[in-house]
Structure formats: C-alpha cells, structure tokens
C-alpha cells in the first residue's frame, strides 16, 4: 500500500505532535530511573525523528 500525499501530511503532523509531547514530558526525568528505561526513551525519540524524515 502506497501512501498518498495527504496520508503523509497527516502522519507528519501526528509525528510532530507526538515528538513535541515526548520532548515536553522528557524534561521531567526523575532521579533514579532505571538505565534501560532512559535508553528506551532515547531510542524512541530517534525513531520519531527518523520517521519524520521518511515522511518528508
């Protein structure tokens, strides 16, 4: 299934919104969080950024 221009536009806006929300909540990291949790957050942010580039 190929994505149309409108599909990509909607998905791009959704990813931008998710990335903005993620960055806002990430600023409130708690001391003592497990390292695996922090690594997962870091990888998720990179995933969103890469996805955004693919949708352009």
Protein backbone atom coordinates (compact mmCIF):
# COMPACT_ATOMS: atom_id res chain seq x y z
CA UNK A 1 0.00 0.00 0.00
CA UNK A 2 1.46 3.31 -1.05
CA UNK A 3 0.86 6.44 0.96
CA UNK A 4 -0.74 9.41 -0.75
CA UNK A 5 0.46 12.96 -0.28
CA UNK A 6 -2.44 13.62 2.09
CA UNK A 7 -1.62 10.48 4.10
CA UNK A 8 1.97 11.63 4.54
CA UNK A 9 0.85 15.12 5.53
CA UNK A 10 -1.47 13.79 8.24
CA UNK A 11 1.12 11.31 9.53
CA UNK A 12 3.81 14.00 9.55
CA UNK A 13 1.63 16.24 11.72
CA UNK A 14 0.84 13.36 14.07
CA UNK A 15 4.53 12.51 14.47
CA UNK A 16 5.43 16.18 15.05
CA UNK A 17 2.76 16.37 17.75
CA UNK A 18 3.98 13.15 19.41
CA UNK A 19 7.60 14.33 19.30
CA UNK A 20 6.68 17.70 20.87
CA UNK A 21 4.73 15.97 23.65
CA UNK A 22 7.53 13.50 24.22
CA UNK A 23 10.16 16.23 24.49
CA UNK A 24 7.98 18.20 26.90
CA UNK A 25 7.48 15.24 29.24
CA UNK A 26 11.07 14.06 28.89
CA UNK A 27 12.28 17.24 30.60
CA UNK A 28 10.79 15.97 33.85
CA UNK A 29 13.07 12.94 34.23
CA UNK A 30 13.15 11.51 37.70
CA UNK A 31 16.37 10.76 39.50
CA UNK A 32 16.86 7.05 39.97
CA UNK A 33 15.10 5.89 36.80
CA UNK A 34 16.44 2.57 35.53
CA UNK A 35 19.04 2.90 32.80
CA UNK A 36 17.08 0.63 30.45
CA UNK A 37 14.07 2.95 30.72
CA UNK A 38 16.17 6.01 29.86
CA UNK A 39 17.78 4.17 26.94
CA UNK A 40 14.33 3.25 25.64
CA UNK A 41 13.21 6.88 25.79
CA UNK A 42 16.32 7.93 23.87
CA UNK A 43 15.73 5.31 21.17
CA UNK A 44 12.04 6.27 20.88
CA UNK A 45 12.98 9.90 20.25
CA UNK A 46 15.39 8.86 17.49
CA UNK A 47 12.70 6.60 16.00
CA UNK A 48 10.26 9.54 15.81
CA UNK A 49 12.88 11.79 14.24
CA UNK A 50 13.75 9.17 11.59
CA UNK A 51 10.10 8.56 10.86
CA UNK A 52 9.54 12.27 10.39
CA UNK A 53 12.38 12.41 7.85
CA UNK A 54 10.90 9.46 5.93
CA UNK A 55 7.54 11.22 5.71
CA UNK A 56 9.00 14.34 4.11
